[in-house]
Amino acid sequence: MFVTQLSQLHTVCAEEALARGFGQANLVRSVGETWFVDPRYGRGSYWFYLMDRDTIVVSMDITYERAVEAVIETIPYLGFGLYEHAMPMYCSPECAGSNCKLIGHDWDGGLHISSFEPGKRLSSASITIAPEAIRRYADALHCNEKKLRCAIGRLTTSDGVPGLPLALRGLDITYPAASVADSYYHAKAIECFALLASSIPERVTAADAVRISDRECVEGICSYIDGNLSSDLSTKTLCDIAHVSEGKMISAFRNVQGDTPQSYIRAQRLEYGRRLLLDGSHKISEIAKSAGYRNQGAFADAFKRAYGTTPRTYRKRLRIELE
């Protein structure tokens, strides 16, 4: 997954990069894989290291001089990290507005599209695990597996976790010798998970209960929205399905998502439509209907407002880039 994405993002493995005269030998780590951006597209490096076949630690600092995009099919994963400079703007509106820049992911898998603008510095230090690995970390830390998973998901909207940004930054600035590197990164992963586990409250306060109630409400509604994008998703319809008032639903969405239900629906419909454009077997009129738009024109107008180009032009550009 990582190698496929890196190739599409115009990066080259260290050995080849150095042979071609670019990259920095002093940035090549003793374990894992180091990749450098092709100077025709930008500058910077990306490093990752696979441990225990289910945990990957990552560090990157990249700036593109040309717009780039990667389209890959991903497996389900959990992850969290410190995302700095312009990187949060590419994750979600919540991430872009976060002060601590700690971001958690609980991804179900599927098609993932990464689009980066020129002149934006992208920097992160993160840990990604297979979903089944969460039990091993929870057991090692003597904490509840479900709560640890929820702590990852709550990172993006939390006030931060003391010590975690500094611990994650160690993945960026520390280059251990080969003889101790594996032990160091295993210890670093445990340290980060331990700090994350320490943020789990032992007792649920009244305020916590309200936040949990809001999150459960929003998660249920989002699950319905994601599976019914072509259906009637008016606020009234969603309120009837969830058995909540309109005020409660909008308040919960603002608390959890930082936006309204209809903003979430628009974003999901556009993203779904954008993914379908990659499949040449679908007509744009069919895509518009599947994504919940009344006609092709309404879809094209919304798509252009969001992405700055029409669906037809976007599909043509992607085909050229993927050839």
Protein backbone atom coordinates (compact mmCIF):
# COMPACT_ATOMS: atom_id res chain seq x y z
CA MET A 1 0.00 0.00 0.00
CA PHE A 2 2.74 2.48 1.00
CA VAL A 3 4.99 1.63 -1.95
CA THR A 4 2.12 1.98 -4.43
CA GLN A 5 1.19 5.37 -3.01
CA LEU A 6 4.79 6.59 -2.95
CA SER A 7 5.31 5.63 -6.58
CA GLN A 8 2.22 7.59 -7.61
CA LEU A 9 3.40 10.57 -5.53
CA HIS A 10 6.60 10.75 -7.60
CA THR A 11 9.02 9.57 -4.94
CA VAL A 12 11.95 7.26 -5.59
CA CYS A 13 13.56 4.70 -3.25
CA ALA A 14 16.81 5.93 -1.71
CA GLU A 15 19.14 3.59 -3.59
CA GLU A 16 17.80 4.67 -6.97
CA ALA A 17 17.57 8.35 -5.97
CA LEU A 18 21.19 8.50 -4.83
CA ALA A 19 22.32 6.69 -7.98
CA ARG A 20 20.49 9.32 -10.04
CA GLY A 21 22.16 12.15 -8.12
CA PHE A 22 19.45 13.42 -5.80
CA GLY A 23 18.42 12.76 -2.20
CA GLN A 24 20.65 12.96 0.87
CA ALA A 25 22.62 9.97 2.10
CA ASN A 26 22.53 11.26 5.69
CA LEU A 27 18.72 11.01 5.67
CA VAL A 28 18.70 7.30 4.78
CA ARG A 29 17.82 5.34 7.91
CA SER A 30 19.40 2.11 9.08
CA VAL A 31 16.08 0.23 8.98
CA GLY A 32 12.93 0.54 6.92
CA GLU A 33 12.65 2.28 3.56
CA THR A 34 13.61 5.87 2.75
CA TRP A 35 12.21 7.53 -0.38
CA PHE A 36 13.02 10.94 -1.91
CA VAL A 37 10.78 13.17 -4.01
CA ASP A 38 11.78 13.33 -7.66
CA PRO A 39 13.23 16.87 -8.03
CA ARG A 40 11.07 17.40 -11.11
CA TYR A 41 8.06 17.39 -8.79
CA GLY A 42 9.40 18.83 -5.51
CA ARG A 43 11.68 18.03 -2.61
CA GLY A 44 11.75 16.12 0.66
CA SER A 45 11.81 12.59 2.02
CA TYR A 46 9.48 9.86 3.25
CA TRP A 47 10.42 6.97 5.53
CA PHE A 48 8.50 3.96 6.86
CA TYR A 49 9.35 0.85 8.84
CA LEU A 50 7.21 -2.29 9.14
CA MET A 51 7.30 -4.05 12.54
CA ASP A 52 5.65 -7.35 13.55
CA ARG A 53 3.86 -7.43 10.17
CA ASP A 54 1.05 -5.26 11.55
CA THR A 55 2.61 -1.97 12.71
CA ILE A 56 4.18 0.73 10.54
CA VAL A 57 5.95 3.84 11.82
CA VAL A 58 6.19 6.72 9.36
CA SER A 59 7.99 10.06 9.06
CA MET A 60 7.66 12.45 6.14
CA ASP A 61 8.54 16.02 5.20
CA ILE A 62 7.68 16.84 1.59
CA THR A 63 6.94 19.92 -0.49
CA TYR A 64 5.63 19.59 -4.04
CA GLU A 65 6.22 22.19 -6.73
CA ARG A 66 3.51 20.68 -8.94
CA ALA A 67 0.05 19.40 -8.09
CA VAL A 68 0.14 15.62 -7.53
CA GLU A 69 -2.45 12.96 -6.81
CA ALA A 70 -2.40 9.30 -5.77
CA VAL A 71 -5.30 6.87 -6.15
CA ILE A 72 -4.91 3.57 -4.30
CA GLU A 73 -7.06 0.77 -2.91
CA THR A 74 -6.36 0.49 0.82
CA ILE A 75 -6.99 -2.13 3.47
CA PRO A 76 -8.66 -1.29 6.83
CA TYR A 77 -6.28 0.28 9.34
CA LEU A 78 -6.01 2.31 12.54
CA GLY A 79 -3.52 5.10 12.94
CA PHE A 80 -2.60 8.30 14.69
CA GLY A 81 0.12 10.88 14.41
CA LEU A 82 1.40 14.42 14.59
CA TYR A 83 0.47 16.27 11.39
CA GLU A 84 2.11 19.66 10.97
CA HIS A 85 2.48 22.56 8.52
CA ALA A 86 -0.12 22.22 5.73
CA MET A 87 -0.81 18.51 6.23
CA PRO A 88 -3.98 18.80 8.38
CA MET A 89 -5.79 20.72 5.63
CA TYR A 90 -5.78 17.54 3.53
CA CYS A 91 -7.31 15.35 6.25
CA SER A 92 -10.62 17.02 7.16
CA PRO A 93 -12.05 20.38 8.24
CA GLU A 94 -11.70 19.19 11.85
CA CYS A 95 -8.01 18.50 11.37
CA ALA A 96 -7.39 21.83 9.66
CA GLY A 97 -8.92 23.64 12.62
CA SER A 98 -7.11 21.64 15.28
CA ASN A 99 -4.52 23.41 17.39
CA CYS A 100 -2.66 20.34 18.62
CA LYS A 101 -2.48 18.70 15.15
CA LEU A 102 -2.88 15.25 16.70
CA ILE A 103 -5.02 13.26 14.29
CA GLY A 104 -6.51 9.77 14.61
CA HIS A 105 -7.79 7.51 11.82
CA ASP A 106 -10.10 4.49 11.90
CA TRP A 107 -10.31 3.62 8.21
CA ASP A 108 -12.58 0.87 6.87
CA GLY A 109 -10.55 0.46 3.70
CA GLY A 110 -11.47 1.15 0.08
CA LEU A 111 -10.38 3.64 -2.54
CA HIS A 112 -8.28 6.47 -1.12
CA ILE A 113 -7.41 9.61 -3.09
CA SER A 114 -4.61 11.97 -2.00
CA SER A 115 -4.41 15.31 -3.82
CA PHE A 116 -1.72 17.84 -2.89
CA GLU A 117 -1.31 21.43 -4.02
CA PRO A 118 2.04 22.94 -5.02
CA GLY A 119 3.98 24.98 -2.46
CA LYS A 120 2.42 23.30 0.60
CA ARG A 121 4.79 21.70 3.11
CA LEU A 122 3.50 18.29 4.25
CA SER A 123 4.98 16.96 7.48
CA SER A 124 3.92 14.10 9.74
CA ALA A 125 5.13 11.46 12.17
CA SER A 126 2.66 8.66 12.64
CA ILE A 127 1.93 5.06 13.60
CA THR A 128 -0.36 2.81 11.53
CA ILE A 129 -1.58 -0.62 12.64
CA ALA A 130 -3.79 -3.38 11.30
CA PRO A 131 -7.12 -3.42 13.21
CA GLU A 132 -6.34 -6.77 14.83
CA ALA A 133 -3.12 -5.35 16.38
CA ILE A 134 -5.09 -3.10 18.72
CA ARG A 135 -5.73 -6.08 21.01
CA ARG A 136 -2.00 -6.73 21.42
CA TYR A 137 -1.30 -3.12 22.39
CA ALA A 138 -4.30 -3.03 24.75
CA ASP A 139 -3.13 -6.24 26.44
CA ALA A 140 0.41 -4.92 26.79
CA LEU A 141 -0.90 -1.77 28.48
CA HIS A 142 -3.59 -3.51 30.53
CA CYS A 143 -6.34 -1.33 29.12
CA ASN A 144 -9.66 -1.90 27.40
CA GLU A 145 -9.30 -2.63 23.67
CA LYS A 146 -12.48 -0.76 22.70
CA LYS A 147 -11.53 2.29 24.77
CA LEU A 148 -8.05 2.40 23.23
CA ARG A 149 -9.58 2.27 19.76
CA CYS A 150 -12.00 5.07 20.69
CA ALA A 151 -9.09 7.13 22.04
CA ILE A 152 -7.52 6.99 18.58
CA GLY A 153 -10.75 8.15 16.95
CA ARG A 154 -11.20 10.99 19.45
CA LEU A 155 -7.74 12.47 18.89
CA THR A 156 -8.83 14.76 16.06
CA THR A 157 -11.46 16.52 18.20
CA SER A 158 -9.63 16.35 21.53
CA ASP A 159 -7.63 19.02 23.32
CA GLY A 160 -4.49 16.91 22.89
CA VAL A 161 -2.64 14.27 24.88
CA PRO A 162 0.22 15.47 27.11
CA GLY A 163 3.58 14.14 25.95
CA LEU A 164 2.25 12.52 22.76
CA PRO A 165 3.36 15.22 20.28
CA LEU A 166 6.91 15.10 21.65
CA ALA A 167 6.96 11.29 21.57
CA LEU A 168 5.77 11.23 17.96
CA ARG A 169 8.26 13.90 16.95
CA GLY A 170 10.97 11.47 18.04
CA LEU A 171 10.11 9.46 14.92
CA ASP A 172 11.24 12.49 12.90
CA ILE A 173 14.41 13.57 14.64
CA THR A 174 15.97 10.34 15.95
CA TYR A 175 18.12 8.12 13.72
CA PRO A 176 19.18 5.14 15.90
CA ALA A 177 22.05 2.87 14.91
CA ALA A 178 21.13 -0.33 13.07
CA SER A 179 22.00 -2.50 16.10
CA VAL A 180 19.34 -0.85 18.28
CA ALA A 181 16.91 0.59 15.71
CA ASP A 182 14.35 -2.21 15.89
CA SER A 183 14.25 -2.07 19.69
CA TYR A 184 13.99 1.72 19.61
CA TYR A 185 10.99 1.82 17.26
CA HIS A 186 9.18 -0.97 19.15
CA ALA A 187 9.70 1.00 22.36
CA LYS A 188 8.57 4.21 20.66
CA ALA A 189 5.34 2.57 19.49
CA ILE A 190 4.61 1.31 23.02
CA GLU A 191 5.39 4.74 24.45
CA CYS A 192 2.95 6.44 22.09
CA PHE A 193 0.20 3.92 22.76
CA ALA A 194 0.83 4.24 26.51
CA LEU A 195 0.43 8.02 26.34
CA LEU A 196 -2.73 7.55 24.31
CA ALA A 197 -4.08 5.04 26.85
CA SER A 198 -3.31 7.46 29.67
CA SER A 199 -5.77 9.93 28.11
CA ILE A 200 -8.69 7.53 28.65
CA PRO A 201 -10.70 8.80 31.64
CA GLU A 202 -11.18 6.28 34.43
CA ARG A 203 -14.58 7.75 35.25
CA VAL A 204 -17.16 9.13 32.89
CA THR A 205 -18.31 12.60 33.95
CA ALA A 206 -21.61 14.16 32.97
CA ALA A 207 -19.82 16.20 30.28
CA ASP A 208 -18.13 13.04 28.97
CA ALA A 209 -21.50 11.30 28.82
CA VAL A 210 -22.91 14.10 26.67
CA ARG A 211 -19.93 13.88 24.29
CA ILE A 212 -20.26 10.10 24.10
CA SER A 213 -23.99 10.42 23.42
CA ASP A 214 -23.32 12.96 20.67
CA ARG A 215 -20.65 10.76 19.08
CA GLU A 216 -22.87 7.67 19.12
CA CYS A 217 -25.71 9.67 17.57
CA VAL A 218 -23.48 11.08 14.83
CA GLU A 219 -21.76 7.75 14.12
CA GLY A 220 -25.14 6.09 13.64
CA ILE A 221 -26.40 8.85 11.33
CA CYS A 222 -23.15 8.93 9.34
CA SER A 223 -23.32 5.17 8.89
CA TYR A 224 -26.82 5.53 7.45
CA ILE A 225 -25.79 8.44 5.22
CA ASP A 226 -22.75 6.59 3.86
CA GLY A 227 -24.90 3.61 2.87
CA ASN A 228 -27.77 5.62 1.35
CA LEU A 229 -26.23 8.50 -0.59
CA SER A 230 -28.76 8.24 -3.43
CA SER A 231 -31.74 8.40 -1.03
CA ASP A 232 -33.63 11.29 0.54
CA LEU A 233 -31.24 12.65 3.18
CA SER A 234 -33.09 15.73 4.29
CA THR A 235 -32.52 16.76 7.89
CA LYS A 236 -36.12 15.85 8.72
CA THR A 237 -35.68 12.36 7.27
CA LEU A 238 -32.50 11.81 9.27
CA CYS A 239 -34.19 13.05 12.46
CA ASP A 240 -37.05 10.58 11.94
CA ILE A 241 -34.62 7.72 11.39
CA ALA A 242 -32.47 8.59 14.41
CA HIS A 243 -35.45 9.54 16.62
CA VAL A 244 -33.90 12.85 17.64
CA SER A 245 -34.94 16.47 17.26
CA GLU A 246 -33.45 18.67 14.58
CA GLY A 247 -31.77 20.80 17.25
CA LYS A 248 -30.20 17.74 18.89
CA MET A 249 -28.91 16.40 15.57
CA ILE A 250 -27.36 19.68 14.44
CA SER A 251 -25.82 20.26 17.89
CA ALA A 252 -24.34 16.74 17.94
CA PHE A 253 -22.87 17.16 14.45
CA ARG A 254 -21.30 20.47 15.37
CA ASN A 255 -19.80 18.96 18.54
CA VAL A 256 -18.42 15.87 16.80
CA GLN A 257 -17.88 16.82 13.15
CA GLY A 258 -17.51 20.57 13.50
CA ASP A 259 -20.13 21.05 10.78
CA THR A 260 -23.79 20.44 9.91
CA PRO A 261 -25.36 17.16 8.70
CA GLN A 262 -25.99 18.63 5.26
CA SER A 263 -22.35 19.73 4.90
CA TYR A 264 -21.31 16.16 5.71
CA ILE A 265 -23.77 14.79 3.15
CA ARG A 266 -22.49 17.12 0.42
CA ALA A 267 -18.89 16.13 1.12
CA GLN A 268 -19.69 12.39 1.09
CA ARG A 269 -21.73 12.61 -2.09
CA LEU A 270 -18.98 14.50 -3.88
CA GLU A 271 -16.29 12.11 -2.66
CA TYR A 272 -18.37 9.11 -3.73
CA GLY A 273 -18.95 10.70 -7.14
CA ARG A 274 -15.25 11.45 -7.47
CA ARG A 275 -14.37 7.80 -6.79
CA LEU A 276 -16.89 6.56 -9.37
CA LEU A 277 -15.33 8.83 -11.99
CA LEU A 278 -12.25 6.59 -11.87
CA ASP A 279 -14.34 3.74 -13.31
CA GLY A 280 -14.82 4.33 -17.02
CA SER A 281 -17.80 1.96 -17.13
CA HIS A 282 -20.09 4.50 -15.43
CA LYS A 283 -21.70 7.34 -17.34
CA ILE A 284 -21.54 10.71 -15.58
CA SER A 285 -25.35 10.85 -15.54
CA GLU A 286 -25.38 7.49 -13.72
CA ILE A 287 -22.77 8.69 -11.26
CA ALA A 288 -24.83 11.80 -10.52
CA LYS A 289 -27.87 9.65 -9.71
CA SER A 290 -25.86 7.21 -7.56
CA ALA A 291 -24.37 10.12 -5.62
CA GLY A 292 -27.81 11.55 -4.85
CA TYR A 293 -28.01 14.45 -7.32
CA ARG A 294 -31.26 15.17 -9.17
CA ASN A 295 -29.46 15.37 -12.53
CA GLN A 296 -26.04 15.53 -14.19
CA GLY A 297 -26.03 19.32 -14.25
CA ALA A 298 -26.53 19.62 -10.49
CA PHE A 299 -23.68 17.16 -9.92
CA ALA A 300 -21.39 19.02 -12.34
CA ASP A 301 -22.10 22.37 -10.68
CA ALA A 302 -21.43 21.01 -7.18
CA PHE A 303 -18.31 19.17 -8.35
CA LYS A 304 -16.86 22.27 -10.00
CA ARG A 305 -17.49 24.39 -6.90
CA ALA A 306 -15.69 21.83 -4.75
CA TYR A 307 -12.79 20.79 -7.01
CA GLY A 308 -12.44 23.64 -9.50
CA THR A 309 -13.09 21.47 -12.55
CA THR A 310 -15.95 19.56 -14.19
CA PRO A 311 -16.44 15.80 -13.68
CA ARG A 312 -15.68 15.15 -17.34
CA THR A 313 -12.41 17.12 -17.27
CA TYR A 314 -11.43 15.52 -13.97
CA ARG A 315 -11.94 12.02 -15.38
CA LYS A 316 -9.86 12.81 -18.48
CA ARG A 317 -7.01 14.22 -16.35
CA LEU A 318 -6.94 11.17 -14.10
CA ARG A 319 -6.82 8.80 -17.06
CA ILE A 320 -3.80 10.66 -18.45
CA GLU A 321 -2.00 10.60 -15.08
CA LEU A 322 -2.67 6.90 -14.50
CA GLU A 323 -1.47 5.80 -17.96
